[in-house]
Amino acid sequence: MVVHFDDPDPVYPLPPLNEIPDDDADKPNDTYKLTTTSNGFPAVIFGTATFSRIYNEADHISGVTPLRAARLALRYGMNVFDTAPFYGDAEIILGNALRALRREFPRDSYTLVTKVGRYPTEFDYAPEAIESSIARSLRRLHTNYFDIVYLHDVEFIADEKLARRGGNHVAALGEEREQYGLNESQEGEAYTEKDHKVLLRDEKGVIKRVGISGFPLPTLLRIAILIQKRFGKPVDLVMSYCHLTLQNSTLEQFKSAFEARAGVKQVIAASPIAMALLRPSRTLDWHPAPLEIREAAQRAAQLSQEWDASGTGLPDLALQYTFARAREIGVPVAVGLSTLEEVHASVKAWHEVDAEGLTTKEEWVARVKTVQDLFRDVQMLDYSWATP
């Protein structure tokens, strides 16, 4: 199905701002502090795939909760918003919220990130499609520039060049680097015409920084090297999801390679809950993880009831673990957030890791080991599933 970028957008009207609740729950907890990384990013980035029917019902995204969540995040200093056309109407929902909040938070007070190339019905990396996509996103988000634009899920367009589609890919940095196209002698090669499609030009000056995003780390590294070698300029950012989690933390091994070999200026981790995998409720039917991983995650959720009967034990531990590892290696984390409670919980988790020494406590360390052992026992710890 062809994307029609000029089609009318759905309308999600908001009530006047003075009619939207602004209660104690909408205020930051002064105890919690959100620090920034060395490159000026907040430790936590607000991911807005949650502003879509992928993760939430229509009445949620059409109400005032997205605005209240975004406002609370900004009040905490969580001032980077990550969105995409692929996330249904998320750009529209976020754009409406930020426009309504413009007096308290003008455009220069936050960083706006979107993506191009992947859409709900297809991929289209053609230059004219990207130009139309950017124009539509500018309109939806009520802005005249983007701080960052990613080429979205490049592995679907470029050659994956993987020794195996599912598995632990850390060997791509060592003994299997040739099979992954990562030998130094292979740098700058283009393996197929597909690789040439991964290119974003900004001829109108509306994009400040450009990045690539996707899932398989070896493919992202190979494409980042290819861009640097063929165009003489490194990509500004690389974002990978589900690779700094309780189930898979291999981004730790790849980060230095992105910087040293491809000149990438900022690596970003996304989805510490592994696309809802590490939540107590049943994993979404579309989740691409193998059955062994999904079953191990459910066992972890059941075990977590022993230390938190409310059901938040596993996602809290997952956030804390990712934040701890991200803090150690110096990367911000994009977290999908839906509600005020989730914003508070994310900042609280960061504070516990950053300021309260949570990761030095024996009980916390034991819980992490218990959960990771469930994945290890079925040989799925640090396993990257095949891109569907």
Protein backbone atom coordinates (compact mmCIF):
# COMPACT_ATOMS: atom_id res chain seq x y z
CA MET A 1 0.00 0.00 0.00
CA VAL A 2 1.42 3.37 -1.04
CA VAL A 3 1.82 6.03 1.64
CA HIS A 4 -0.16 9.16 0.80
CA PHE A 5 1.64 11.88 2.70
CA ASP A 6 -0.88 14.56 1.72
CA ASP A 7 -3.94 12.72 3.05
CA PRO A 8 -5.82 14.58 5.80
CA ASP A 9 -4.68 13.66 9.29
CA PRO A 10 -7.03 12.41 12.02
CA VAL A 11 -8.11 15.11 14.43
CA TYR A 12 -7.53 14.76 18.17
CA PRO A 13 -8.91 17.94 19.76
CA LEU A 14 -7.76 18.89 23.23
CA PRO A 15 -9.74 20.94 25.74
CA PRO A 16 -8.33 24.34 26.76
CA LEU A 17 -5.22 23.94 28.87
CA ASN A 18 -6.89 25.46 31.93
CA GLU A 19 -9.45 22.64 31.83
CA ILE A 20 -6.81 19.90 31.86
CA PRO A 21 -5.98 18.65 35.37
CA ASP A 22 -2.73 19.93 36.85
CA ASP A 23 -2.73 18.27 40.26
CA ASP A 24 -0.08 16.97 42.63
CA ALA A 25 0.41 13.95 40.35
CA ASP A 26 1.36 16.37 37.54
CA LYS A 27 4.23 17.83 39.58
CA PRO A 28 7.74 16.39 39.82
CA ASN A 29 8.89 14.75 43.01
CA ASP A 30 11.66 17.06 44.17
CA THR A 31 13.52 14.11 45.66
CA TYR A 32 14.21 12.62 42.23
CA LYS A 33 16.81 14.19 39.98
CA LEU A 34 17.32 13.32 36.33
CA THR A 35 20.93 13.84 35.30
CA THR A 36 22.32 14.32 31.80
CA THR A 37 24.89 12.41 29.77
CA SER A 38 28.19 13.88 28.64
CA ASN A 39 26.62 14.91 25.32
CA GLY A 40 23.81 16.81 27.01
CA PHE A 41 21.04 14.25 26.61
CA PRO A 42 18.85 13.58 29.62
CA ALA A 43 19.47 10.13 31.06
CA VAL A 44 15.93 9.17 30.00
CA ILE A 45 14.37 9.98 26.62
CA PHE A 46 10.57 10.00 26.28
CA GLY A 47 9.57 7.40 23.68
CA THR A 48 6.15 7.97 22.13
CA ALA A 49 5.31 4.70 20.42
CA THR A 50 2.96 4.54 23.40
CA PHE A 51 0.95 7.40 21.86
CA SER A 52 -0.48 4.90 19.39
CA ARG A 53 -2.74 1.89 19.22
CA ILE A 54 0.34 -0.35 19.14
CA TYR A 55 0.45 -0.13 22.94
CA ASN A 56 -2.69 1.74 24.05
CA GLU A 57 -6.39 1.94 23.32
CA ALA A 58 -7.94 4.74 21.28
CA ASP A 59 -9.58 6.41 24.29
CA HIS A 60 -6.19 6.71 25.98
CA ILE A 61 -4.35 8.39 23.11
CA SER A 62 -7.30 10.65 22.29
CA GLY A 63 -7.58 11.95 25.87
CA VAL A 64 -5.46 14.32 27.92
CA THR A 65 -3.14 11.74 29.49
CA PRO A 66 -0.46 12.01 26.76
CA LEU A 67 -0.28 15.77 27.29
CA ARG A 68 -0.07 15.40 31.06
CA ALA A 69 2.66 12.75 30.73
CA ALA A 70 4.67 14.94 28.34
CA ARG A 71 4.27 17.97 30.61
CA LEU A 72 5.41 16.04 33.67
CA ALA A 73 8.41 14.72 31.76
CA LEU A 74 9.42 18.24 30.75
CA ARG A 75 9.06 19.41 34.33
CA TYR A 76 11.47 16.67 35.36
CA GLY A 77 13.94 17.75 32.67
CA MET A 78 13.15 14.78 30.39
CA ASN A 79 13.22 17.06 27.38
CA VAL A 80 13.88 14.75 24.42
CA PHE A 81 10.88 13.22 22.63
CA ASP A 82 11.32 10.33 20.21
CA THR A 83 8.52 9.67 17.74
CA ALA A 84 7.97 8.29 14.23
CA PRO A 85 5.39 8.04 11.44
CA PHE A 86 5.42 4.27 11.97
CA TYR A 87 3.86 4.81 15.40
CA GLY A 88 0.39 5.43 14.02
CA ASP A 89 -0.86 8.84 15.08
CA ALA A 90 1.86 9.40 17.70
CA GLU A 91 3.31 12.42 15.88
CA ILE A 92 -0.12 14.06 15.87
CA ILE A 93 -0.76 13.33 19.55
CA LEU A 94 2.69 14.57 20.59
CA GLY A 95 2.48 17.63 18.34
CA ASN A 96 -0.88 18.64 19.80
CA ALA A 97 0.46 18.26 23.34
CA LEU A 98 3.61 20.30 22.72
CA ARG A 99 1.68 23.03 20.94
CA ALA A 100 -0.71 23.30 23.91
CA LEU A 101 2.28 23.51 26.28
CA ARG A 102 4.22 26.08 24.24
CA ARG A 103 3.92 28.89 26.81
CA GLU A 104 5.41 26.81 29.60
CA PHE A 105 7.78 24.96 27.27
CA PRO A 106 8.69 26.83 24.06
CA ARG A 107 10.19 24.94 21.12
CA ASP A 108 13.80 25.63 22.09
CA SER A 109 13.30 24.00 25.50
CA TYR A 110 13.12 20.44 24.15
CA THR A 111 14.67 18.20 21.51
CA LEU A 112 12.38 16.71 18.89
CA VAL A 113 13.26 13.42 17.20
CA THR A 114 11.40 11.67 14.41
CA LYS A 115 12.15 9.06 11.79
CA VAL A 116 11.70 8.41 8.07
CA GLY A 117 11.57 5.39 5.81
CA ARG A 118 9.23 3.09 7.73
CA TYR A 119 5.46 3.55 7.77
CA PRO A 120 2.53 1.50 9.07
CA THR A 121 1.95 -0.12 5.68
CA GLU A 122 5.36 -0.15 3.98
CA PHE A 123 8.97 1.01 3.74
CA ASP A 124 9.84 3.84 1.38
CA TYR A 125 13.36 5.22 1.32
CA ALA A 126 13.00 7.01 -2.02
CA PRO A 127 14.31 10.61 -1.76
CA GLU A 128 10.97 12.11 -2.77
CA ALA A 129 9.17 9.98 -0.16
CA ILE A 130 11.60 11.06 2.55
CA GLU A 131 11.11 14.70 1.61
CA SER A 132 7.34 14.31 1.76
CA SER A 133 7.61 12.42 5.04
CA ILE A 134 9.67 15.19 6.63
CA ALA A 135 7.19 17.82 5.43
CA ARG A 136 4.27 15.88 6.93
CA SER A 137 6.09 15.33 10.23
CA LEU A 138 6.91 19.04 10.47
CA ARG A 139 3.23 19.80 9.99
CA ARG A 140 2.06 17.19 12.49
CA LEU A 141 4.52 18.31 15.15
CA HIS A 142 3.95 22.05 14.59
CA THR A 143 7.63 22.82 14.13
CA ASN A 144 9.88 24.17 11.41
CA TYR A 145 12.89 21.98 12.22
CA PHE A 146 13.93 18.67 13.73
CA ASP A 147 16.80 18.25 16.11
CA ILE A 148 17.30 14.63 15.02
CA VAL A 149 15.92 12.45 12.23
CA TYR A 150 16.61 8.73 12.08
CA LEU A 151 16.45 6.44 9.10
CA HIS A 152 14.04 3.96 10.65
CA ASP A 153 14.86 0.23 10.88
CA VAL A 154 17.56 0.26 8.22
CA GLU A 155 18.01 -3.52 8.36
CA PHE A 156 14.83 -3.94 6.32
CA ILE A 157 16.31 -1.88 3.47
CA ALA A 158 20.04 -2.54 3.64
CA ASP A 159 21.69 -5.95 3.59
CA GLU A 160 21.58 -7.45 7.07
CA LYS A 161 24.80 -9.36 6.35
CA LEU A 162 24.46 -11.60 9.38
CA ALA A 163 26.22 -14.89 10.01
CA ARG A 164 22.92 -15.99 11.53
CA ARG A 165 19.72 -14.03 11.93
CA GLY A 166 19.00 -15.10 15.50
CA GLY A 167 21.60 -15.58 18.21
CA ASN A 168 24.32 -13.86 20.18
CA HIS A 169 26.05 -11.51 17.72
CA VAL A 170 29.00 -10.45 19.88
CA ALA A 171 31.23 -12.72 17.78
CA ALA A 172 30.76 -10.14 15.00
CA LEU A 173 33.32 -8.06 16.87
CA GLY A 174 35.83 -10.90 16.88
CA GLU A 175 36.26 -14.27 15.25
CA GLU A 176 33.18 -14.02 12.99
CA ARG A 177 33.65 -10.43 11.83
CA GLU A 178 34.20 -11.44 8.20
CA GLN A 179 30.85 -13.27 8.03
CA TYR A 180 29.20 -10.09 9.31
CA GLY A 181 31.02 -7.85 6.83
CA LEU A 182 33.01 -6.20 9.61
CA ASN A 183 36.61 -7.00 8.68
CA GLU A 184 38.68 -3.86 8.32
CA SER A 185 39.38 -4.88 4.71
CA GLN A 186 35.60 -4.81 4.09
CA GLU A 187 35.04 -1.30 5.40
CA GLY A 188 33.42 0.93 2.81
CA GLU A 189 32.19 -1.95 0.68
CA ALA A 190 28.61 -1.93 -0.56
CA TYR A 191 27.35 -5.47 -0.76
CA THR A 192 24.18 -4.89 -2.73
CA GLU A 193 22.24 -2.05 -4.24
CA LYS A 194 20.07 -2.17 -1.12
CA ASP A 195 22.83 -0.56 0.92
CA HIS A 196 22.82 2.55 -1.26
CA LYS A 197 19.24 3.33 -0.21
CA VAL A 198 20.33 4.08 3.34
CA LEU A 199 21.00 7.76 2.79
CA LEU A 200 19.30 10.88 4.03
CA ARG A 201 19.95 14.26 2.48
CA ASP A 202 18.68 17.48 4.00
CA GLU A 203 18.63 20.10 1.27
CA LYS A 204 16.24 22.45 3.07
CA GLY A 205 18.16 22.80 6.32
CA VAL A 206 15.41 21.54 8.61
CA ILE A 207 17.39 18.66 10.16
CA LYS A 208 20.16 19.33 12.69
CA ARG A 209 21.44 15.78 13.17
CA VAL A 210 20.96 12.49 11.36
CA GLY A 211 20.98 8.97 12.76
CA ILE A 212 20.17 5.39 11.92
CA SER A 213 18.01 3.10 14.02
CA GLY A 214 17.19 -0.56 14.00
CA PHE A 215 17.56 -3.86 15.80
CA PRO A 216 20.57 -6.01 14.71
CA LEU A 217 23.73 -4.42 16.10
CA PRO A 218 26.16 -5.87 13.51
CA THR A 219 24.05 -4.47 10.67
CA LEU A 220 23.85 -1.06 12.30
CA LEU A 221 27.62 -1.06 12.82
CA ARG A 222 28.33 -2.11 9.24
CA ILE A 223 26.02 0.56 7.83
CA ALA A 224 27.51 3.23 10.11
CA ILE A 225 31.01 2.31 8.90
CA LEU A 226 29.79 2.30 5.29
CA ILE A 227 28.33 5.80 5.66
CA GLN A 228 31.53 7.18 7.15
CA LYS A 229 33.77 5.61 4.54
CA ARG A 230 31.70 6.41 1.48
CA PHE A 231 30.55 9.91 2.41
CA GLY A 232 33.45 11.11 4.53
CA LYS A 233 31.24 12.02 7.46
CA PRO A 234 30.05 9.84 10.32
CA VAL A 235 26.42 9.41 11.23
CA ASP A 236 25.57 11.49 14.28
CA LEU A 237 23.59 8.90 16.23
CA VAL A 238 22.79 5.20 16.29
CA MET A 239 19.84 3.83 18.25
CA SER A 240 19.15 0.15 18.83
CA TYR A 241 16.30 -1.28 20.84
CA CYS A 242 16.10 -4.25 23.22
CA HIS A 243 19.89 -4.56 23.42
CA LEU A 244 20.47 -3.15 26.90
CA THR A 245 17.99 -5.17 28.93
CA LEU A 246 17.84 -7.92 31.54
CA GLN A 247 17.54 -10.40 28.66
CA ASN A 248 20.14 -8.92 26.29
CA SER A 249 22.85 -6.39 27.13
CA THR A 250 25.13 -6.80 24.11
CA LEU A 251 25.00 -3.08 23.30
CA GLU A 252 27.69 -2.78 25.97
CA GLN A 253 30.13 -4.67 23.75
CA PHE A 254 29.16 -2.83 20.56
CA LYS A 255 29.18 0.75 21.85
CA SER A 256 32.95 1.26 21.62
CA ALA A 257 32.99 -0.18 18.09
CA PHE A 258 30.36 2.33 16.94
CA GLU A 259 32.52 5.14 18.28
CA ALA A 260 35.99 3.93 17.29
CA ARG A 261 35.27 2.31 13.94
CA ALA A 262 32.35 4.41 12.64
CA GLY A 263 32.88 7.72 14.41
CA VAL A 264 29.34 7.70 15.79
CA LYS A 265 28.90 10.62 18.16
CA GLN A 266 26.07 9.24 20.28
CA VAL A 267 24.77 5.71 20.86
CA ILE A 268 21.28 5.43 22.32
CA ALA A 269 19.61 2.42 23.90
CA ALA A 270 15.86 1.98 23.54
CA SER A 271 13.15 -0.19 25.05
CA PRO A 272 14.50 -1.37 28.43
CA ILE A 273 11.27 -3.35 28.91
CA ALA A 274 12.06 -5.12 25.61
CA MET A 275 8.86 -4.03 23.87
CA ALA A 276 6.67 -5.07 26.83
CA LEU A 277 8.41 -8.45 27.12
CA LEU A 278 9.41 -7.71 30.72
CA ARG A 279 5.94 -6.85 31.99
CA PRO A 280 3.75 -9.22 34.05
CA SER A 281 0.89 -9.18 31.56
CA ARG A 282 0.84 -11.46 28.55
CA THR A 283 3.36 -10.42 25.93
CA LEU A 284 1.74 -8.81 22.90
CA ASP A 285 0.93 -11.30 20.16
CA TRP A 286 3.13 -9.55 17.61
CA HIS A 287 6.28 -9.77 19.74
CA PRO A 288 9.13 -11.29 17.67
CA ALA A 289 10.98 -13.00 20.54
CA PRO A 290 11.17 -16.80 20.35
CA LEU A 291 8.83 -18.79 22.55
CA GLU A 292 11.66 -19.74 24.93
CA ILE A 293 12.33 -16.06 25.68
CA ARG A 294 8.66 -15.21 26.12
CA GLU A 295 8.12 -18.16 28.47
CA ALA A 296 11.22 -17.27 30.51
CA ALA A 297 9.94 -13.68 30.78
CA GLN A 298 6.62 -14.94 32.10
CA ARG A 299 8.39 -17.06 34.69
CA ALA A 300 10.37 -13.98 35.70
CA ALA A 301 7.12 -12.04 36.07
CA GLN A 302 5.71 -14.78 38.32
CA LEU A 303 8.84 -14.79 40.46
CA SER A 304 8.74 -11.02 40.78
CA GLN A 305 5.41 -11.31 42.57
CA GLU A 306 7.39 -12.57 45.56
CA TRP A 307 9.10 -9.20 46.01
CA ASP A 308 6.31 -6.95 44.70
CA ALA A 309 2.74 -8.21 44.62
CA SER A 310 1.57 -5.07 42.78
CA GLY A 311 2.94 -6.43 39.51
CA THR A 312 5.53 -3.70 38.98
CA GLY A 313 8.47 -5.68 40.35
CA LEU A 314 9.79 -7.00 37.04
CA PRO A 315 9.41 -3.81 34.96
CA ASP A 316 10.94 -1.79 37.82
CA LEU A 317 13.90 -4.17 37.98
CA ALA A 318 14.22 -4.03 34.20
CA LEU A 319 14.33 -0.23 34.22
CA GLN A 320 16.81 -0.16 37.08
CA TYR A 321 19.09 -2.67 35.36
CA THR A 322 19.09 -0.83 32.04
CA PHE A 323 19.67 2.51 33.74
CA ALA A 324 22.55 1.04 35.72
CA ARG A 325 24.26 -0.33 32.64
CA ALA A 326 23.50 2.83 30.63
CA ARG A 327 24.97 4.98 33.38
CA GLU A 328 28.09 2.82 33.38
CA ILE A 329 28.71 3.12 29.64
CA GLY A 330 27.35 6.64 29.21
CA VAL A 331 24.30 6.25 26.96
CA PRO A 332 20.81 7.73 27.30
CA VAL A 333 17.83 5.38 27.28
CA ALA A 334 14.62 5.88 25.30
CA VAL A 335 11.68 4.59 27.34
CA GLY A 336 8.12 4.28 26.07
CA LEU A 337 5.90 6.14 28.52
CA SER A 338 2.11 6.30 28.62
CA THR A 339 1.04 7.76 31.94
CA LEU A 340 2.01 10.06 34.77
CA GLU A 341 2.75 7.02 36.90
CA GLU A 342 5.20 5.67 34.34
CA VAL A 343 7.01 9.00 34.08
CA HIS A 344 7.36 9.20 37.87
CA ALA A 345 8.48 5.56 38.01
CA SER A 346 11.16 6.06 35.35
CA VAL A 347 12.67 9.08 37.05
CA LYS A 348 12.48 7.32 40.42
CA ALA A 349 14.29 4.29 38.97
CA TRP A 350 17.02 6.50 37.57
CA HIS A 351 17.42 8.28 40.92
CA GLU A 352 17.65 4.98 42.78
CA VAL A 353 20.45 3.87 40.48
CA ASP A 354 22.25 7.19 40.18
CA ALA A 355 22.01 8.58 43.70
CA GLU A 356 21.00 5.83 46.10
CA GLY A 357 23.48 3.08 45.23
CA LEU A 358 20.76 0.57 44.46
CA THR A 359 23.03 -1.67 42.39
CA THR A 360 25.34 -2.30 45.33
CA LYS A 361 22.60 -3.88 47.42
CA GLU A 362 22.79 -7.66 47.69
CA GLU A 363 19.04 -8.16 47.36
CA TRP A 364 18.94 -6.22 44.08
CA VAL A 365 21.94 -8.08 42.67
CA ALA A 366 20.32 -11.40 43.61
CA ARG A 367 17.09 -10.46 41.82
CA VAL A 368 18.97 -9.55 38.67
CA LYS A 369 20.82 -12.87 38.74
CA THR A 370 17.60 -14.79 39.33
CA VAL A 371 15.91 -13.24 36.30
CA GLN A 372 18.94 -13.55 34.04
CA ASP A 373 19.39 -17.19 35.05
CA LEU A 374 15.93 -17.91 33.66
CA PHE A 375 17.11 -16.74 30.23
CA ARG A 376 20.51 -18.37 30.67
CA ASP A 377 18.93 -21.73 31.50
CA VAL A 378 17.20 -21.84 28.10
CA GLN A 379 20.30 -20.47 26.31
CA MET A 380 18.57 -17.19 25.55
CA LEU A 381 20.59 -14.71 27.59
CA ASP A 382 22.06 -12.13 25.16
CA TYR A 383 20.13 -13.77 22.32
CA SER A 384 18.99 -11.35 19.60
CA TRP A 385 15.90 -12.61 17.84
CA ALA A 386 15.62 -12.51 14.07
CA THR A 387 14.15 -9.35 12.66
CA PRO A 388 10.67 -10.33 11.43
